[in-house]
Amino acid sequence: MVQVRKLVLAIAAASALSSGMAQALGLGELTLKSTPNQPLVAEIELLDVQQLTAAEVVPSLASPDDFAKAG
């Protein structure tokens, strides 16, 4: 039982630390590349990337719940 509790605490600590790292990027200037009535093409400058490579930055859409919370 003690080993299970230690494992749960270790997983919780690792999750807390890794989720903080995921939110460490800042967003800079947005540069619009598309024209009106065309699919959106834009570039967003990333700030504070530190030692991340382009392969480590994986953009994705927020969940519908997150969009609802944001309004």
C-alpha atoms as a PDB file:
ATOM      1  CA  MET A   1       0.000   0.000   0.000  1.00  0.00           C
ATOM      2  CA  VAL A   2       2.859   2.375   0.811  1.00  0.00           C
ATOM      3  CA  GLN A   3       4.507   1.699  -2.572  1.00  0.00           C
ATOM      4  CA  VAL A   4       1.258   2.476  -4.409  1.00  0.00           C
ATOM      5  CA  ARG A   5       0.902   5.760  -2.531  1.00  0.00           C
ATOM      6  CA  LYS A   6       4.490   6.743  -3.379  1.00  0.00           C
ATOM      7  CA  LEU A   7       3.861   5.892  -7.037  1.00  0.00           C
ATOM      8  CA  VAL A   8       0.682   7.992  -7.099  1.00  0.00           C
ATOM      9  CA  LEU A   9       2.519  10.930  -5.497  1.00  0.00           C
ATOM     10  CA  ALA A  10       5.398  10.607  -7.981  1.00  0.00           C
ATOM     11  CA  ILE A  11       2.998  10.566 -10.947  1.00  0.00           C
ATOM     12  CA  ALA A  12       1.109  13.570  -9.570  1.00  0.00           C
ATOM     13  CA  ALA A  13       4.349  15.515  -9.074  1.00  0.00           C
ATOM     14  CA  ALA A  14       5.571  14.682 -12.586  1.00  0.00           C
ATOM     15  CA  SER A  15       2.231  15.723 -14.071  1.00  0.00           C
ATOM     16  CA  ALA A  16       2.267  19.019 -12.220  1.00  0.00           C
ATOM     17  CA  LEU A  17       5.791  19.810 -13.378  1.00  0.00           C
ATOM     18  CA  SER A  18       5.253  18.818 -17.003  1.00  0.00           C
ATOM     19  CA  SER A  19       2.006  20.764 -17.382  1.00  0.00           C
ATOM     20  CA  GLY A  20       3.797  23.911 -16.213  1.00  0.00           C
ATOM     21  CA  MET A  21       6.429  23.462 -18.888  1.00  0.00           C
ATOM     22  CA  ALA A  22       3.764  23.139 -21.560  1.00  0.00           C
ATOM     23  CA  GLN A  23       2.514  26.635 -20.773  1.00  0.00           C
ATOM     24  CA  ALA A  24       5.937  28.275 -20.814  1.00  0.00           C
ATOM     25  CA  LEU A  25       5.680  29.685 -24.354  1.00  0.00           C
ATOM     26  CA  GLY A  26       4.674  33.263 -24.975  1.00  0.00           C
ATOM     27  CA  LEU A  27       2.883  34.476 -28.081  1.00  0.00           C
ATOM     28  CA  GLY A  28       4.244  37.456 -29.995  1.00  0.00           C
ATOM     29  CA  GLU A  29       3.229  39.259 -33.173  1.00  0.00           C
ATOM     30  CA  LEU A  30       0.687  37.725 -35.551  1.00  0.00           C
ATOM     31  CA  THR A  31       1.544  38.126 -39.241  1.00  0.00           C
ATOM     32  CA  LEU A  32      -1.358  37.564 -41.621  1.00  0.00           C
ATOM     33  CA  LYS A  33      -0.291  35.918 -44.893  1.00  0.00           C
ATOM     34  CA  SER A  34      -3.699  35.294 -46.504  1.00  0.00           C
ATOM     35  CA  THR A  35      -6.029  37.673 -48.315  1.00  0.00           C
ATOM     36  CA  PRO A  36      -9.745  38.270 -47.636  1.00  0.00           C
ATOM     37  CA  ASN A  37     -12.092  35.423 -48.643  1.00  0.00           C
ATOM     38  CA  GLN A  38      -9.206  32.921 -48.606  1.00  0.00           C
ATOM     39  CA  PRO A  39      -8.307  30.247 -46.033  1.00  0.00           C
ATOM     40  CA  LEU A  40      -6.493  31.727 -43.051  1.00  0.00           C
ATOM     41  CA  VAL A  41      -2.712  31.582 -43.299  1.00  0.00           C
ATOM     42  CA  ALA A  42      -0.839  33.302 -40.484  1.00  0.00           C
ATOM     43  CA  GLU A  43       2.386  33.127 -38.504  1.00  0.00           C
ATOM     44  CA  ILE A  44       2.585  33.703 -34.756  1.00  0.00           C
ATOM     45  CA  GLU A  45       5.937  34.574 -33.224  1.00  0.00           C
ATOM     46  CA  LEU A  46       6.806  32.361 -30.234  1.00  0.00           C
ATOM     47  CA  LEU A  47       8.521  34.042 -27.291  1.00  0.00           C
ATOM     48  CA  ASP A  48      10.594  32.432 -24.535  1.00  0.00           C
ATOM     49  CA  VAL A  49      11.155  29.170 -26.417  1.00  0.00           C
ATOM     50  CA  GLN A  50      14.425  28.643 -24.513  1.00  0.00           C
ATOM     51  CA  GLN A  51      15.912  25.345 -25.771  1.00  0.00           C
ATOM     52  CA  LEU A  52      12.843  23.937 -27.529  1.00  0.00           C
ATOM     53  CA  THR A  53      13.181  22.738 -31.109  1.00  0.00           C
ATOM     54  CA  ALA A  54      10.497  23.161 -33.763  1.00  0.00           C
ATOM     55  CA  ALA A  55       9.683  19.433 -33.462  1.00  0.00           C
ATOM     56  CA  GLU A  56       8.913  19.850 -29.751  1.00  0.00           C
ATOM     57  CA  VAL A  57       6.341  22.606 -30.303  1.00  0.00           C
ATOM     58  CA  VAL A  58       3.054  20.932 -31.261  1.00  0.00           C
ATOM     59  CA  PRO A  59       0.185  23.392 -31.768  1.00  0.00           C
ATOM     60  CA  SER A  60      -3.412  22.210 -31.461  1.00  0.00           C
ATOM     61  CA  LEU A  61      -6.900  23.602 -31.047  1.00  0.00           C
ATOM     62  CA  ALA A  62      -8.380  23.904 -27.590  1.00  0.00           C
ATOM     63  CA  SER A  63     -11.226  21.620 -26.595  1.00  0.00           C
ATOM     64  CA  PRO A  64     -14.835  22.803 -26.996  1.00  0.00           C
ATOM     65  CA  ASP A  65     -15.012  23.130 -23.192  1.00  0.00           C
ATOM     66  CA  ASP A  66     -11.984  25.442 -23.181  1.00  0.00           C
ATOM     67  CA  PHE A  67     -13.563  27.589 -25.910  1.00  0.00           C
ATOM     68  CA  ALA A  68     -16.801  27.757 -23.899  1.00  0.00           C
ATOM     69  CA  LYS A  69     -14.917  28.813 -20.748  1.00  0.00           C
ATOM     70  CA  ALA A  70     -13.091  31.545 -22.662  1.00  0.00           C
ATOM     71  CA  GLY A  71     -16.346  32.884 -24.079  1.00  0.00           C
END
